């Protein structure tokens, strides 16, 4: 059996928009029955996002496995989307991409990372809390609530 190819991390460009959309749809599909609609990342315009945001892609064994989409703000870095393909979950790629986002924040001169997720995505909230993110509050969104979280670096 050949050795696995080491994971590769690179910045996304316009040619990656379709692959980003596909990975995001796969990663978030499990939430559709829970909230009764497609989560916001499933409906995003990734042709626009790759030009306006910082999106980094993680390839494992030559396949797009995970991504993180970040938006620099005045005083923090916002993680807009962190997605791991279902076939690659449980391998530490989510944790790796979260750490990458935090390193990116530091490199850009920020000492805080913020993110948000649907209140019904309990496993996501638990994942972020396990990695040092605190709950900052909730806001209504469509038929539910968004949970806002942050971490000081």
C-alpha atoms as a PDB file:
ATOM      1  CA  UNK A   1       0.000   0.000   0.000  1.00  0.00           C
ATOM      2  CA  UNK A   2       1.485   3.410  -0.938  1.00  0.00           C
ATOM      3  CA  UNK A   3       2.137   5.988   1.769  1.00  0.00           C
ATOM      4  CA  UNK A   4      -0.524   8.660   2.259  1.00  0.00           C
ATOM      5  CA  UNK A   5       0.268  12.046   0.780  1.00  0.00           C
ATOM      6  CA  UNK A   6       0.979  14.680   3.449  1.00  0.00           C
ATOM      7  CA  UNK A   7      -1.837  17.232   3.854  1.00  0.00           C
ATOM      8  CA  UNK A   8      -1.353  20.378   1.783  1.00  0.00           C
ATOM      9  CA  UNK A   9      -2.716  23.776   2.755  1.00  0.00           C
ATOM     10  CA  UNK A  10      -3.132  26.552   0.211  1.00  0.00           C
ATOM     11  CA  UNK A  11      -5.083  29.767  -0.394  1.00  0.00           C
ATOM     12  CA  UNK A  12      -8.142  29.403  -2.619  1.00  0.00           C
ATOM     13  CA  UNK A  13      -8.545  31.285  -5.860  1.00  0.00           C
ATOM     14  CA  UNK A  14     -11.404  31.856  -8.310  1.00  0.00           C
ATOM     15  CA  UNK A  15     -10.926  28.442  -9.933  1.00  0.00           C
ATOM     16  CA  UNK A  16     -11.696  26.807  -6.555  1.00  0.00           C
ATOM     17  CA  UNK A  17     -15.192  28.282  -6.074  1.00  0.00           C
ATOM     18  CA  UNK A  18     -17.059  25.240  -7.364  1.00  0.00           C
ATOM     19  CA  UNK A  19     -15.054  22.798  -5.217  1.00  0.00           C
ATOM     20  CA  UNK A  20     -15.558  25.031  -2.146  1.00  0.00           C
ATOM     21  CA  UNK A  21     -19.317  25.094  -2.735  1.00  0.00           C
ATOM     22  CA  UNK A  22     -19.412  21.297  -3.198  1.00  0.00           C
ATOM     23  CA  UNK A  23     -17.418  20.577  -0.023  1.00  0.00           C
ATOM     24  CA  UNK A  24     -19.537  23.026   1.961  1.00  0.00           C
ATOM     25  CA  UNK A  25     -22.791  21.440   0.718  1.00  0.00           C
ATOM     26  CA  UNK A  26     -21.507  17.980   1.714  1.00  0.00           C
ATOM     27  CA  UNK A  27     -20.296  19.122   5.123  1.00  0.00           C
ATOM     28  CA  UNK A  28     -23.486  20.973   6.056  1.00  0.00           C
ATOM     29  CA  UNK A  29     -26.027  18.545   4.529  1.00  0.00           C
ATOM     30  CA  UNK A  30     -26.494  16.757   7.861  1.00  0.00           C
ATOM     31  CA  UNK A  31     -27.920  19.946   9.375  1.00  0.00           C
ATOM     32  CA  UNK A  32     -30.721  20.424   6.825  1.00  0.00           C
ATOM     33  CA  UNK A  33     -33.151  18.018   8.580  1.00  0.00           C
ATOM     34  CA  UNK A  34     -32.340  19.592  11.953  1.00  0.00           C
ATOM     35  CA  UNK A  35     -33.128  23.194  10.978  1.00  0.00           C
ATOM     36  CA  UNK A  36     -35.485  22.495   8.080  1.00  0.00           C
ATOM     37  CA  UNK A  37     -33.528  24.497   5.511  1.00  0.00           C
ATOM     38  CA  UNK A  38     -30.065  24.827   3.993  1.00  0.00           C
ATOM     39  CA  UNK A  39     -27.637  26.480   6.443  1.00  0.00           C
ATOM     40  CA  UNK A  40     -26.223  29.831   5.320  1.00  0.00           C
ATOM     41  CA  UNK A  41     -22.867  28.416   4.092  1.00  0.00           C
ATOM     42  CA  UNK A  42     -24.710  26.083   1.698  1.00  0.00           C
ATOM     43  CA  UNK A  43     -26.260  29.065  -0.084  1.00  0.00           C
ATOM     44  CA  UNK A  44     -23.245  31.395  -0.180  1.00  0.00           C
ATOM     45  CA  UNK A  45     -21.844  32.774  -3.423  1.00  0.00           C
ATOM     46  CA  UNK A  46     -18.353  31.289  -3.464  1.00  0.00           C
ATOM     47  CA  UNK A  47     -17.449  32.957  -6.763  1.00  0.00           C
ATOM     48  CA  UNK A  48     -17.691  36.216  -4.791  1.00  0.00           C
ATOM     49  CA  UNK A  49     -16.310  34.831  -1.523  1.00  0.00           C
ATOM     50  CA  UNK A  50     -12.996  33.659  -3.017  1.00  0.00           C
ATOM     51  CA  UNK A  51     -12.393  37.222  -4.173  1.00  0.00           C
ATOM     52  CA  UNK A  52     -13.609  39.021  -1.038  1.00  0.00           C
ATOM     53  CA  UNK A  53     -12.528  36.680   1.803  1.00  0.00           C
ATOM     54  CA  UNK A  54      -9.515  34.627   2.825  1.00  0.00           C
ATOM     55  CA  UNK A  55     -10.290  30.977   2.099  1.00  0.00           C
ATOM     56  CA  UNK A  56      -7.686  28.335   2.788  1.00  0.00           C
ATOM     57  CA  UNK A  57      -8.046  24.778   1.559  1.00  0.00           C
ATOM     58  CA  UNK A  58      -6.669  21.577   3.077  1.00  0.00           C
ATOM     59  CA  UNK A  59      -5.990  18.697   0.716  1.00  0.00           C
ATOM     60  CA  UNK A  60      -5.458  15.200   2.116  1.00  0.00           C
ATOM     61  CA  UNK A  61      -4.345  12.392  -0.165  1.00  0.00           C
ATOM     62  CA  UNK A  62      -4.793  14.793  -3.067  1.00  0.00           C
ATOM     63  CA  UNK A  63      -8.479  15.459  -2.269  1.00  0.00           C
ATOM     64  CA  UNK A  64     -10.073  18.633  -0.870  1.00  0.00           C
ATOM     65  CA  UNK A  65     -10.820  17.606   2.712  1.00  0.00           C
ATOM     66  CA  UNK A  66     -11.448  20.838   4.636  1.00  0.00           C
ATOM     67  CA  UNK A  67     -11.572  24.596   4.379  1.00  0.00           C
ATOM     68  CA  UNK A  68     -11.696  27.729   6.459  1.00  0.00           C
ATOM     69  CA  UNK A  69     -13.152  31.028   5.259  1.00  0.00           C
ATOM     70  CA  UNK A  70     -12.118  34.140   7.194  1.00  0.00           C
ATOM     71  CA  UNK A  71     -13.045  37.802   7.019  1.00  0.00           C
ATOM     72  CA  UNK A  72     -10.765  40.433   8.569  1.00  0.00           C
ATOM     73  CA  UNK A  73     -12.721  43.049  10.550  1.00  0.00           C
ATOM     74  CA  UNK A  74     -11.530  46.186  12.328  1.00  0.00           C
ATOM     75  CA  UNK A  75     -10.519  44.473  15.566  1.00  0.00           C
ATOM     76  CA  UNK A  76     -10.828  40.712  14.985  1.00  0.00           C
ATOM     77  CA  UNK A  77     -10.817  37.926  12.428  1.00  0.00           C
ATOM     78  CA  UNK A  78     -14.222  36.382  11.729  1.00  0.00           C
ATOM     79  CA  UNK A  79     -14.388  32.712  10.842  1.00  0.00           C
ATOM     80  CA  UNK A  80     -17.249  32.704   8.371  1.00  0.00           C
ATOM     81  CA  UNK A  81     -17.078  29.016   7.513  1.00  0.00           C
ATOM     82  CA  UNK A  82     -15.122  26.002   8.700  1.00  0.00           C
ATOM     83  CA  UNK A  83     -16.064  22.830   6.830  1.00  0.00           C
ATOM     84  CA  UNK A  84     -14.677  19.298   6.758  1.00  0.00           C
ATOM     85  CA  UNK A  85     -15.942  16.842   4.190  1.00  0.00           C
ATOM     86  CA  UNK A  86     -17.861  13.934   5.735  1.00  0.00           C
ATOM     87  CA  UNK A  87     -15.351  11.375   4.423  1.00  0.00           C
ATOM     88  CA  UNK A  88     -12.557  13.235   6.232  1.00  0.00           C
ATOM     89  CA  UNK A  89     -14.231  13.943   9.566  1.00  0.00           C
ATOM     90  CA  UNK A  90     -12.710  12.484  12.693  1.00  0.00           C
ATOM     91  CA  UNK A  91      -9.128  12.903  11.453  1.00  0.00           C
ATOM     92  CA  UNK A  92      -8.352  16.180  13.249  1.00  0.00           C
ATOM     93  CA  UNK A  93      -8.785  18.388  10.178  1.00  0.00           C
ATOM     94  CA  UNK A  94     -11.359  20.643  11.879  1.00  0.00           C
ATOM     95  CA  UNK A  95      -8.976  21.253  14.774  1.00  0.00           C
ATOM     96  CA  UNK A  96      -6.125  21.819  12.300  1.00  0.00           C
ATOM     97  CA  UNK A  97      -8.117  24.382  10.316  1.00  0.00           C
ATOM     98  CA  UNK A  98      -9.260  26.164  13.483  1.00  0.00           C
ATOM     99  CA  UNK A  99      -5.627  26.456  14.630  1.00  0.00           C
ATOM    100  CA  UNK A 100      -4.718  27.695  11.147  1.00  0.00           C
ATOM    101  CA  UNK A 101      -7.402  30.391  11.385  1.00  0.00           C
ATOM    102  CA  UNK A 102      -6.035  31.489  14.747  1.00  0.00           C
ATOM    103  CA  UNK A 103      -2.496  31.628  13.343  1.00  0.00           C
ATOM    104  CA  UNK A 104      -3.807  33.682  10.431  1.00  0.00           C
ATOM    105  CA  UNK A 105      -5.458  36.084  12.883  1.00  0.00           C
ATOM    106  CA  UNK A 106      -2.160  36.539  14.735  1.00  0.00           C
ATOM    107  CA  UNK A 107      -0.280  37.057  11.449  1.00  0.00           C
ATOM    108  CA  UNK A 108      -2.769  39.790  10.515  1.00  0.00           C
ATOM    109  CA  UNK A 109      -2.248  41.500  13.898  1.00  0.00           C
ATOM    110  CA  UNK A 110      -5.511  40.437  15.574  1.00  0.00           C
ATOM    111  CA  UNK A 111      -5.747  39.136  19.119  1.00  0.00           C
ATOM    112  CA  UNK A 112      -9.315  37.883  18.814  1.00  0.00           C
ATOM    113  CA  UNK A 113     -11.159  35.400  16.618  1.00  0.00           C
ATOM    114  CA  UNK A 114     -14.941  35.401  16.370  1.00  0.00           C
ATOM    115  CA  UNK A 115     -17.380  33.000  14.785  1.00  0.00           C
ATOM    116  CA  UNK A 116     -21.034  32.114  14.839  1.00  0.00           C
ATOM    117  CA  UNK A 117     -23.092  28.980  14.398  1.00  0.00           C
ATOM    118  CA  UNK A 118     -26.700  27.872  14.602  1.00  0.00           C
ATOM    119  CA  UNK A 119     -27.869  27.240  18.165  1.00  0.00           C
ATOM    120  CA  UNK A 120     -29.132  23.794  17.110  1.00  0.00           C
ATOM    121  CA  UNK A 121     -25.642  22.720  15.943  1.00  0.00           C
ATOM    122  CA  UNK A 122     -24.783  21.461  19.433  1.00  0.00           C
ATOM    123  CA  UNK A 123     -21.756  19.427  18.330  1.00  0.00           C
ATOM    124  CA  UNK A 124     -20.266  22.516  16.652  1.00  0.00           C
ATOM    125  CA  UNK A 125     -20.759  24.606  19.787  1.00  0.00           C
ATOM    126  CA  UNK A 126     -19.152  21.870  21.902  1.00  0.00           C
ATOM    127  CA  UNK A 127     -16.218  21.632  19.449  1.00  0.00           C
ATOM    128  CA  UNK A 128     -15.520  25.366  19.664  1.00  0.00           C
ATOM    129  CA  UNK A 129     -15.901  25.434  23.451  1.00  0.00           C
ATOM    130  CA  UNK A 130     -13.453  22.527  23.733  1.00  0.00           C
ATOM    131  CA  UNK A 131     -10.957  24.681  21.831  1.00  0.00           C
ATOM    132  CA  UNK A 132     -11.276  27.725  24.082  1.00  0.00           C
ATOM    133  CA  UNK A 133     -14.158  29.653  22.507  1.00  0.00           C
ATOM    134  CA  UNK A 134     -16.644  31.332  24.810  1.00  0.00           C
ATOM    135  CA  UNK A 135     -20.317  32.000  24.247  1.00  0.00           C
ATOM    136  CA  UNK A 136     -20.901  35.703  23.700  1.00  0.00           C
ATOM    137  CA  UNK A 137     -24.637  35.711  23.063  1.00  0.00           C
ATOM    138  CA  UNK A 138     -27.431  34.813  20.701  1.00  0.00           C
ATOM    139  CA  UNK A 139     -29.342  36.676  18.015  1.00  0.00           C
ATOM    140  CA  UNK A 140     -32.514  35.644  16.201  1.00  0.00           C
ATOM    141  CA  UNK A 141     -32.017  34.413  12.633  1.00  0.00           C
ATOM    142  CA  UNK A 142     -34.820  33.168  10.389  1.00  0.00           C
ATOM    143  CA  UNK A 143     -36.688  30.576  12.468  1.00  0.00           C
ATOM    144  CA  UNK A 144     -33.976  30.054  15.086  1.00  0.00           C
ATOM    145  CA  UNK A 145     -30.982  31.599  16.789  1.00  0.00           C
ATOM    146  CA  UNK A 146     -27.339  32.245  15.964  1.00  0.00           C
ATOM    147  CA  UNK A 147     -24.813  31.657  18.737  1.00  0.00           C
ATOM    148  CA  UNK A 148     -21.881  34.110  18.705  1.00  0.00           C
ATOM    149  CA  UNK A 149     -18.551  32.871  20.045  1.00  0.00           C
ATOM    150  CA  UNK A 150     -15.043  34.276  20.412  1.00  0.00           C
ATOM    151  CA  UNK A 151     -11.560  33.478  21.596  1.00  0.00           C
ATOM    152  CA  UNK A 152      -8.827  35.848  22.718  1.00  0.00           C
ATOM    153  CA  UNK A 153      -5.430  34.860  21.354  1.00  0.00           C
END
